[in-house]
PDB file of N, CA and C in Angstrom:
ATOM      1  N   MET A   1     -29.214   4.874  13.643  1.00  0.00           N
ATOM      2  CA  MET A   1     -28.454   5.707  14.261  1.00  0.00           C
ATOM      3  C   MET A   1     -26.893   5.225  14.223  1.00  0.00           C
ATOM      4  N   GLY A   2     -26.854   3.853  13.447  1.00  0.00           N
ATOM      5  CA  GLY A   2     -25.545   3.335  13.203  1.00  0.00           C
ATOM      6  C   GLY A   2     -24.822   3.922  12.240  1.00  0.00           C
ATOM      7  N   TRP A   3     -25.484   4.428  11.194  1.00  0.00           N
ATOM      8  CA  TRP A   3     -24.925   5.073  10.014  1.00  0.00           C
ATOM      9  C   TRP A   3     -24.538   6.563  10.658  1.00  0.00           C
ATOM     10  N   LEU A   4     -24.847   7.240  11.486  1.00  0.00           N
ATOM     11  CA  LEU A   4     -24.744   8.450  11.944  1.00  0.00           C
ATOM     12  C   LEU A   4     -23.094   8.097  12.704  1.00  0.00           C
ATOM     13  N   TRP A   5     -22.979   7.080  13.529  1.00  0.00           N
ATOM     14  CA  TRP A   5     -21.824   7.000  14.272  1.00  0.00           C
ATOM     15  C   TRP A   5     -20.918   6.523  13.174  1.00  0.00           C
ATOM     16  N   ALA A   6     -21.176   5.628  12.195  1.00  0.00           N
ATOM     17  CA  ALA A   6     -20.125   5.383  11.335  1.00  0.00           C
ATOM     18  C   ALA A   6     -19.491   6.684  10.427  1.00  0.00           C
ATOM     19  N   ILE A   7     -20.496   7.688  10.490  1.00  0.00           N
ATOM     20  CA  ILE A   7     -19.736   8.863   9.745  1.00  0.00           C
ATOM     21  C   ILE A   7     -18.980   9.740  10.605  1.00  0.00           C
ATOM     22  N   ILE A   8     -19.345   9.723  12.077  1.00  0.00           N
ATOM     23  CA  ILE A   8     -18.705  10.487  12.809  1.00  0.00           C
ATOM     24  C   ILE A   8     -17.397   9.720  13.087  1.00  0.00           C
ATOM     25  N   VAL A   9     -17.418   8.385  13.305  1.00  0.00           N
ATOM     26  CA  VAL A   9     -16.050   7.711  13.419  1.00  0.00           C
ATOM     27  C   VAL A   9     -15.290   7.788  12.379  1.00  0.00           C
ATOM     28  N   GLY A  10     -15.811   7.663  11.127  1.00  0.00           N
ATOM     29  CA  GLY A  10     -15.139   7.519   9.947  1.00  0.00           C
ATOM     30  C   GLY A  10     -14.246   9.184   9.667  1.00  0.00           C
ATOM     31  N   PHE A  11     -15.178  10.303  10.015  1.00  0.00           N
ATOM     32  CA  PHE A  11     -14.721  11.389   9.918  1.00  0.00           C
ATOM     33  C   PHE A  11     -13.310  11.735  10.903  1.00  0.00           C
ATOM     34  N   VAL A  12     -13.635  11.320  12.247  1.00  0.00           N
ATOM     35  CA  VAL A  12     -12.454  11.589  13.084  1.00  0.00           C
ATOM     36  C   VAL A  12     -11.274  10.655  12.595  1.00  0.00           C
ATOM     37  N   LEU A  13     -11.401   9.324  12.253  1.00  0.00           N
ATOM     38  CA  LEU A  13     -10.174   8.579  12.169  1.00  0.00           C
ATOM     39  C   LEU A  13      -9.502   9.070  10.662  1.00  0.00           C
ATOM     40  N   GLY A  14     -10.397   9.601   9.878  1.00  0.00           N
ATOM     41  CA  GLY A  14      -9.836  10.129   8.652  1.00  0.00           C
ATOM     42  C   GLY A  14      -8.788  11.310   9.001  1.00  0.00           C
ATOM     43  N   LEU A  15      -9.387  12.306   9.682  1.00  0.00           N
ATOM     44  CA  LEU A  15      -8.784  13.399  10.223  1.00  0.00           C
ATOM     45  C   LEU A  15      -7.461  12.968  10.929  1.00  0.00           C
ATOM     46  N   ILE A  16      -7.505  12.028  11.906  1.00  0.00           N
ATOM     47  CA  ILE A  16      -6.130  11.724  12.746  1.00  0.00           C
ATOM     48  C   ILE A  16      -5.114  10.971  11.784  1.00  0.00           C
ATOM     49  N   ALA A  17      -5.626  10.181  10.794  1.00  0.00           N
ATOM     50  CA  ALA A  17      -4.937   9.439   9.847  1.00  0.00           C
ATOM     51  C   ALA A  17      -4.123  10.598   9.178  1.00  0.00           C
ATOM     52  N   LYS A  18      -4.810  11.555   8.371  1.00  0.00           N
ATOM     53  CA  LYS A  18      -4.292  12.775   7.823  1.00  0.00           C
ATOM     54  C   LYS A  18      -3.318  13.384   8.404  1.00  0.00           C
ATOM     55  N   ALA A  19      -3.611  13.593   9.950  1.00  0.00           N
ATOM     56  CA  ALA A  19      -2.244  14.326  10.889  1.00  0.00           C
ATOM     57  C   ALA A  19      -1.143  13.303  10.954  1.00  0.00           C
ATOM     58  N   LEU A  20      -1.308  12.131  11.104  1.00  0.00           N
ATOM     59  CA  LEU A  20      -0.160  11.192  11.303  1.00  0.00           C
ATOM     60  C   LEU A  20       0.702  11.052   9.934  1.00  0.00           C
ATOM     61  N   ILE A  21       0.192  11.135   8.983  1.00  0.00           N
ATOM     62  CA  ILE A  21       0.886  11.033   7.420  1.00  0.00           C
ATOM     63  C   ILE A  21       1.627  12.332   7.415  1.00  0.00           C
ATOM     64  N   PRO A  22       3.071  12.163   7.175  1.00  0.00           N
ATOM     65  CA  PRO A  22       3.820  13.471   7.036  1.00  0.00           C
ATOM     66  C   PRO A  22       3.573  14.066   5.575  1.00  0.00           C
ATOM     67  N   GLY A  23       3.597  15.345   5.604  1.00  0.00           N
ATOM     68  CA  GLY A  23       3.394  16.066   4.271  1.00  0.00           C
ATOM     69  C   GLY A  23       1.967  16.419   4.167  1.00  0.00           C
ATOM     70  N   LYS A  24       1.325  16.981   2.982  1.00  0.00           N
ATOM     71  CA  LYS A  24       0.334  17.595   3.150  1.00  0.00           C
ATOM     72  C   LYS A  24      -0.517  16.822   2.099  1.00  0.00           C
ATOM     73  N   GLN A  25      -1.691  16.093   2.199  1.00  0.00           N
ATOM     74  CA  GLN A  25      -2.605  15.314   1.344  1.00  0.00           C
ATOM     75  C   GLN A  25      -3.583  16.387   1.208  1.00  0.00           C
ATOM     76  N   HIS A  26      -4.007  16.103  -0.295  1.00  0.00           N
ATOM     77  CA  HIS A  26      -4.802  16.847  -1.047  1.00  0.00           C
ATOM     78  C   HIS A  26      -6.240  16.272  -1.078  1.00  0.00           C
ATOM     79  N   LEU A  27      -6.559  15.151  -0.174  1.00  0.00           N
ATOM     80  CA  LEU A  27      -8.019  14.749  -0.328  1.00  0.00           C
ATOM     81  C   LEU A  27      -8.915  15.635   0.333  1.00  0.00           C
ATOM     82  N   PRO A  28     -10.365  15.783  -0.464  1.00  0.00           N
ATOM     83  CA  PRO A  28     -11.329  16.350   0.064  1.00  0.00           C
ATOM     84  C   PRO A  28     -11.745  15.767   1.234  1.00  0.00           C
ATOM     85  N   LEU A  29     -12.411  16.493   1.990  1.00  0.00           N
ATOM     86  CA  LEU A  29     -12.979  15.999   3.335  1.00  0.00           C
ATOM     87  C   LEU A  29     -13.969  14.859   3.282  1.00  0.00           C
ATOM     88  N   TRP A  30     -14.765  14.902   2.211  1.00  0.00           N
ATOM     89  CA  TRP A  30     -15.815  13.826   2.071  1.00  0.00           C
ATOM     90  C   TRP A  30     -15.045  12.386   1.726  1.00  0.00           C
ATOM     91  N   LEU A  31     -13.988  12.508   1.081  1.00  0.00           N
ATOM     92  CA  LEU A  31     -13.078  11.419   0.693  1.00  0.00           C
ATOM     93  C   LEU A  31     -12.328  11.038   1.903  1.00  0.00           C
ATOM     94  N   THR A  32     -11.690  11.907   2.540  1.00  0.00           N
ATOM     95  CA  THR A  32     -11.069  11.654   3.877  1.00  0.00           C
ATOM     96  C   THR A  32     -12.072  10.733   4.613  1.00  0.00           C
ATOM     97  N   THR A  33     -13.328  11.163   4.845  1.00  0.00           N
ATOM     98  CA  THR A  33     -14.303  10.624   5.799  1.00  0.00           C
ATOM     99  C   THR A  33     -14.863   9.080   5.436  1.00  0.00           C
ATOM    100  N   ILE A  34     -14.678   8.953   3.979  1.00  0.00           N
ATOM    101  CA  ILE A  34     -15.280   7.874   3.547  1.00  0.00           C
ATOM    102  C   ILE A  34     -14.120   6.729   3.748  1.00  0.00           C
ATOM    103  N   LEU A  35     -12.894   7.081   3.507  1.00  0.00           N
ATOM    104  CA  LEU A  35     -11.649   6.255   3.878  1.00  0.00           C
ATOM    105  C   LEU A  35     -11.441   6.126   5.180  1.00  0.00           C
ATOM    106  N   GLY A  36     -11.948   7.019   6.116  1.00  0.00           N
ATOM    107  CA  GLY A  36     -11.857   6.672   7.484  1.00  0.00           C
ATOM    108  C   GLY A  36     -13.109   5.551   8.010  1.00  0.00           C
ATOM    109  N   ILE A  37     -14.144   5.745   7.385  1.00  0.00           N
ATOM    110  CA  ILE A  37     -15.126   4.719   7.735  1.00  0.00           C
ATOM    111  C   ILE A  37     -14.521   3.347   7.021  1.00  0.00           C
ATOM    112  N   GLY A  38     -14.097   3.379   5.896  1.00  0.00           N
ATOM    113  CA  GLY A  38     -13.264   2.199   5.454  1.00  0.00           C
ATOM    114  C   GLY A  38     -12.342   1.549   6.368  1.00  0.00           C
ATOM    115  N   GLY A  39     -11.634   2.447   6.777  1.00  0.00           N
ATOM    116  CA  GLY A  39     -10.540   2.143   7.993  1.00  0.00           C
ATOM    117  C   GLY A  39     -11.207   1.517   9.236  1.00  0.00           C
ATOM    118  N   ALA A  40     -12.171   2.043   9.673  1.00  0.00           N
ATOM    119  CA  ALA A  40     -12.820   1.461  10.744  1.00  0.00           C
ATOM    120  C   ALA A  40     -13.498   0.044  10.380  1.00  0.00           C
ATOM    121  N   LEU A  41     -13.990   0.194   9.534  1.00  0.00           N
ATOM    122  CA  LEU A  41     -14.581  -1.446   9.132  1.00  0.00           C
ATOM    123  C   LEU A  41     -13.618  -2.497   8.799  1.00  0.00           C
ATOM    124  N   LEU A  42     -12.481  -1.984   8.076  1.00  0.00           N
ATOM    125  CA  LEU A  42     -11.328  -3.043   7.967  1.00  0.00           C
ATOM    126  C   LEU A  42     -10.725  -3.285   9.256  1.00  0.00           C
ATOM    127  N   GLY A  43     -10.456  -2.210  10.108  1.00  0.00           N
ATOM    128  CA  GLY A  43      -9.874  -2.768  11.647  1.00  0.00           C
ATOM    129  C   GLY A  43     -10.790  -3.396  12.224  1.00  0.00           C
ATOM    130  N   ASN A  44     -12.068  -3.383  12.374  1.00  0.00           N
ATOM    131  CA  ASN A  44     -12.803  -4.140  12.860  1.00  0.00           C
ATOM    132  C   ASN A  44     -13.144  -5.631  12.621  1.00  0.00           C
ATOM    133  N   TRP A  45     -12.743  -5.594  11.007  1.00  0.00           N
ATOM    134  CA  TRP A  45     -12.776  -7.078  10.547  1.00  0.00           C
ATOM    135  C   TRP A  45     -11.452  -7.773  10.968  1.00  0.00           C
ATOM    136  N   MET A  46     -10.266  -6.904  11.064  1.00  0.00           N
ATOM    137  CA  MET A  46      -9.127  -7.610  11.553  1.00  0.00           C
ATOM    138  C   MET A  46      -9.239  -7.848  12.945  1.00  0.00           C
ATOM    139  N   ALA A  47      -9.717  -6.956  13.832  1.00  0.00           N
ATOM    140  CA  ALA A  47     -10.106  -7.351  15.295  1.00  0.00           C
ATOM    141  C   ALA A  47     -10.618  -8.770  15.343  1.00  0.00           C
ATOM    142  N   SER A  48     -11.915  -8.900  14.527  1.00  0.00           N
ATOM    143  CA  SER A  48     -12.670  -9.912  14.809  1.00  0.00           C
ATOM    144  C   SER A  48     -11.568 -11.385  14.258  1.00  0.00           C
ATOM    145  N   GLY A  49     -11.018 -11.139  13.410  1.00  0.00           N
ATOM    146  CA  GLY A  49      -9.923 -12.476  12.900  1.00  0.00           C
ATOM    147  C   GLY A  49      -9.200 -12.575  13.945  1.00  0.00           C
ATOM    148  N   LEU A  50      -8.574 -11.550  14.810  1.00  0.00           N
ATOM    149  CA  LEU A  50      -7.560 -11.786  15.845  1.00  0.00           C
ATOM    150  C   LEU A  50      -8.251 -12.231  17.114  1.00  0.00           C
ATOM    151  N   GLY A  51      -9.616 -12.145  17.281  1.00  0.00           N
ATOM    152  CA  GLY A  51     -10.184 -12.329  18.617  1.00  0.00           C
ATOM    153  C   GLY A  51     -10.442 -11.359  19.452  1.00  0.00           C
ATOM    154  N   ILE A  52     -10.085  -9.897  19.116  1.00  0.00           N
ATOM    155  CA  ILE A  52     -10.097  -8.957  20.201  1.00  0.00           C
ATOM    156  C   ILE A  52     -11.285  -7.905  19.824  1.00  0.00           C
ATOM    157  N   GLU A  53     -12.348  -8.299  19.215  1.00  0.00           N
ATOM    158  CA  GLU A  53     -13.343  -7.496  18.711  1.00  0.00           C
ATOM    159  C   GLU A  53     -14.254  -7.009  19.744  1.00  0.00           C
ATOM    160  N   GLU A  54     -14.319  -7.680  20.892  1.00  0.00           N
ATOM    161  CA  GLU A  54     -14.916  -7.287  22.287  1.00  0.00           C
ATOM    162  C   GLU A  54     -14.134  -7.713  23.383  1.00  0.00           C
ATOM    163  N   THR A  55     -13.668  -6.776  24.189  1.00  0.00           N
ATOM    164  CA  THR A  55     -13.126  -6.795  25.220  1.00  0.00           C
ATOM    165  C   THR A  55     -13.641  -5.977  26.385  1.00  0.00           C
ATOM    166  N   ARG A  56     -13.217  -6.174  27.616  1.00  0.00           N
ATOM    167  CA  ARG A  56     -13.779  -5.280  28.796  1.00  0.00           C
ATOM    168  C   ARG A  56     -13.256  -4.132  28.796  1.00  0.00           C
ATOM    169  N   GLY A  57     -14.032  -3.061  29.026  1.00  0.00           N
ATOM    170  CA  GLY A  57     -13.110  -1.565  28.946  1.00  0.00           C
ATOM    171  C   GLY A  57     -12.986  -1.133  27.625  1.00  0.00           C
ATOM    172  N   ILE A  58     -11.882  -0.354  27.390  1.00  0.00           N
ATOM    173  CA  ILE A  58     -11.468   0.268  26.205  1.00  0.00           C
ATOM    174  C   ILE A  58     -10.883  -0.618  25.141  1.00  0.00           C
ATOM    175  N   ASP A  59     -11.369  -0.902  23.955  1.00  0.00           N
ATOM    176  CA  ASP A  59     -10.760  -1.743  22.940  1.00  0.00           C
ATOM    177  C   ASP A  59      -9.760  -1.353  22.256  1.00  0.00           C
ATOM    178  N   TRP A  60      -8.615  -1.195  22.797  1.00  0.00           N
ATOM    179  CA  TRP A  60      -7.300  -0.164  22.491  1.00  0.00           C
ATOM    180  C   TRP A  60      -7.078  -1.059  21.220  1.00  0.00           C
ATOM    181  N   GLY A  61      -6.903  -2.407  21.121  1.00  0.00           N
ATOM    182  CA  GLY A  61      -6.469  -3.132  20.065  1.00  0.00           C
ATOM    183  C   GLY A  61      -7.181  -2.966  18.890  1.00  0.00           C
ATOM    184  N   ARG A  62      -8.468  -3.015  19.222  1.00  0.00           N
ATOM    185  CA  ARG A  62      -9.364  -2.707  18.016  1.00  0.00           C
ATOM    186  C   ARG A  62      -9.174  -1.248  17.460  1.00  0.00           C
ATOM    187  N   HIS A  63      -9.061  -0.312  18.503  1.00  0.00           N
ATOM    188  CA  HIS A  63      -9.051   1.135  17.800  1.00  0.00           C
ATOM    189  C   HIS A  63      -7.538   0.873  17.105  1.00  0.00           C
ATOM    190  N   ALA A  64      -6.415   0.609  17.624  1.00  0.00           N
ATOM    191  CA  ALA A  64      -5.119   0.753  16.853  1.00  0.00           C
ATOM    192  C   ALA A  64      -5.298  -0.045  15.638  1.00  0.00           C
ATOM    193  N   LEU A  65      -6.151  -0.950  15.367  1.00  0.00           N
ATOM    194  CA  LEU A  65      -6.204  -1.559  14.235  1.00  0.00           C
ATOM    195  C   LEU A  65      -7.045  -0.522  13.167  1.00  0.00           C
ATOM    196  N   GLN A  66      -7.950  -0.183  13.670  1.00  0.00           N
ATOM    197  CA  GLN A  66      -8.876   1.050  12.967  1.00  0.00           C
ATOM    198  C   GLN A  66      -8.133   1.927  12.520  1.00  0.00           C
ATOM    199  N   LEU A  67      -7.179   2.515  13.406  1.00  0.00           N
ATOM    200  CA  LEU A  67      -6.486   3.853  12.923  1.00  0.00           C
ATOM    201  C   LEU A  67      -5.413   3.355  12.073  1.00  0.00           C
ATOM    202  N   GLY A  68      -4.758   2.332  12.093  1.00  0.00           N
ATOM    203  CA  GLY A  68      -3.838   1.612  11.088  1.00  0.00           C
ATOM    204  C   GLY A  68      -4.485   1.398  10.011  1.00  0.00           C
ATOM    205  N   ALA A  69      -5.481   0.821   9.800  1.00  0.00           N
ATOM    206  CA  ALA A  69      -5.941   0.815   8.312  1.00  0.00           C
ATOM    207  C   ALA A  69      -6.559   1.926   7.959  1.00  0.00           C
ATOM    208  N   ALA A  70      -7.005   3.012   8.707  1.00  0.00           N
ATOM    209  CA  ALA A  70      -7.301   4.286   8.146  1.00  0.00           C
ATOM    210  C   ALA A  70      -6.066   4.998   7.483  1.00  0.00           C
ATOM    211  N   VAL A  71      -5.179   4.986   8.189  1.00  0.00           N
ATOM    212  CA  VAL A  71      -3.793   5.718   7.554  1.00  0.00           C
ATOM    213  C   VAL A  71      -3.417   4.931   6.253  1.00  0.00           C
ATOM    214  N   LEU A  72      -3.404   3.639   6.257  1.00  0.00           N
ATOM    215  CA  LEU A  72      -3.259   3.177   5.120  1.00  0.00           C
ATOM    216  C   LEU A  72      -4.087   3.504   3.896  1.00  0.00           C
ATOM    217  N   LEU A  73      -5.497   3.527   4.061  1.00  0.00           N
ATOM    218  CA  LEU A  73      -6.212   3.940   3.164  1.00  0.00           C
ATOM    219  C   LEU A  73      -6.251   5.346   2.775  1.00  0.00           C
ATOM    220  N   VAL A  74      -5.943   6.152   4.136  1.00  0.00           N
ATOM    221  CA  VAL A  74      -5.821   7.530   3.490  1.00  0.00           C
ATOM    222  C   VAL A  74      -4.687   7.686   2.595  1.00  0.00           C
ATOM    223  N   LEU A  75      -3.543   7.033   2.876  1.00  0.00           N
ATOM    224  CA  LEU A  75      -2.180   7.151   2.290  1.00  0.00           C
ATOM    225  C   LEU A  75      -2.331   6.785   0.679  1.00  0.00           C
ATOM    226  N   PHE A  76      -3.261   5.675   0.625  1.00  0.00           N
ATOM    227  CA  PHE A  76      -3.231   5.003  -0.833  1.00  0.00           C
ATOM    228  C   PHE A  76      -4.351   5.960  -1.582  1.00  0.00           C
ATOM    229  N   GLY A  77      -5.475   6.416  -0.657  1.00  0.00           N
ATOM    230  CA  GLY A  77      -6.356   6.961  -1.372  1.00  0.00           C
ATOM    231  C   GLY A  77      -5.725   8.451  -2.023  1.00  0.00           C
ATOM    232  N   ASP A  78      -4.940   8.925  -1.223  1.00  0.00           N
ATOM    233  CA  ASP A  78      -4.236  10.259  -1.764  1.00  0.00           C
ATOM    234  C   ASP A  78      -3.292  10.035  -2.949  1.00  0.00           C
ATOM    235  N   LYS A  79      -2.811   8.902  -2.885  1.00  0.00           N
ATOM    236  CA  LYS A  79      -2.010   8.905  -4.105  1.00  0.00           C
ATOM    237  C   LYS A  79      -2.775   8.592  -5.585  1.00  0.00           C
ATOM    238  N   VAL A  80      -3.972   7.841  -5.166  1.00  0.00           N
ATOM    239  CA  VAL A  80      -4.890   7.559  -6.421  1.00  0.00           C
ATOM    240  C   VAL A  80      -5.598   8.875  -6.750  1.00  0.00           C
ATOM    241  N   TYR A  81      -5.775   9.693  -5.958  1.00  0.00           N
ATOM    242  CA  TYR A  81      -6.511  10.727  -6.096  1.00  0.00           C
ATOM    243  C   TYR A  81      -5.783  11.896  -6.730  1.00  0.00           C
ATOM    244  N   ASN A  82      -4.561  12.000  -6.375  1.00  0.00           N
ATOM    245  CA  ASN A  82      -3.541  12.808  -6.987  1.00  0.00           C
ATOM    246  C   ASN A  82      -3.192  12.492  -8.388  1.00  0.00           C
ATOM    247  N   SER A  83      -2.991  11.190  -8.562  1.00  0.00           N
ATOM    248  CA  SER A  83      -2.842  10.584  -9.962  1.00  0.00           C
ATOM    249  C   SER A  83      -4.009  11.118 -10.929  1.00  0.00           C
ATOM    250  N   SER A  84      -5.012  10.825 -10.606  1.00  0.00           N
ATOM    251  CA  SER A  84      -6.225  11.158 -11.250  1.00  0.00           C
ATOM    252  C   SER A  84      -6.674  12.576 -11.551  1.00  0.00           C
ATOM    253  N   ARG A  85      -6.414  13.622 -10.573  1.00  0.00           N
ATOM    254  CA  ARG A  85      -6.166  14.863 -10.675  1.00  0.00           C
ATOM    255  C   ARG A  85      -5.151  15.177 -11.856  1.00  0.00           C
ATOM    256  N   ARG A  86      -3.931  14.637 -11.735  1.00  0.00           N
ATOM    257  CA  ARG A  86      -2.943  15.057 -12.848  1.00  0.00           C
ATOM    258  C   ARG A  86      -3.299  14.817 -14.226  1.00  0.00           C
ATOM    259  N   ARG A  87      -4.020  13.387 -14.146  1.00  0.00           N
ATOM    260  CA  ARG A  87      -4.343  12.833 -15.627  1.00  0.00           C
ATOM    261  C   ARG A  87      -5.458  13.745 -15.912  1.00  0.00           C
ATOM    262  N   ARG A  88      -6.183  14.298 -15.262  1.00  0.00           N
ATOM    263  CA  ARG A  88      -7.444  15.056 -15.794  1.00  0.00           C
ATOM    264  C   ARG A  88      -6.896  16.661 -16.190  1.00  0.00           C
ATOM    265  N   SER A  89      -5.825  16.935 -15.328  1.00  0.00           N
ATOM    266  CA  SER A  89      -5.359  18.485 -15.685  1.00  0.00           C
ATOM    267  C   SER A  89      -4.548  18.304 -17.136  1.00  0.00           C
ATOM    268  N   ARG A  90      -4.150  17.373 -17.300  1.00  0.00           N
ATOM    269  CA  ARG A  90      -3.160  17.234 -18.731  1.00  0.00           C
ATOM    270  C   ARG A  90      -4.237  17.063 -20.035  1.00  0.00           C
ATOM    271  N   ALA A  91      -5.174  16.472 -19.671  1.00  0.00           N
ATOM    272  CA  ALA A  91      -6.086  16.166 -20.703  1.00  0.00           C
ATOM    273  C   ALA A  91      -6.868  17.203 -21.349  1.00  0.00           C
TER     274      ALA A  91
END
């Protein structure tokens, strides 16, 4: 069941990240979801390093780190994806 939650959280994080980034991103939905999953994992890793991975109540700090990581990954992923598409269209 853990993999299903990872996909759902990655999907939601990826969509929120795309909404927060100004302009239009050309990432397909599957890549947005994968980058969102990566953002969740990276955010959890940073939270554990800061000692805030488990708190009582809602883990706002961990969620903020997950979203921040997802935004960075979607922004970087969009640039890489667009440059690879341009290279393919020129060939």
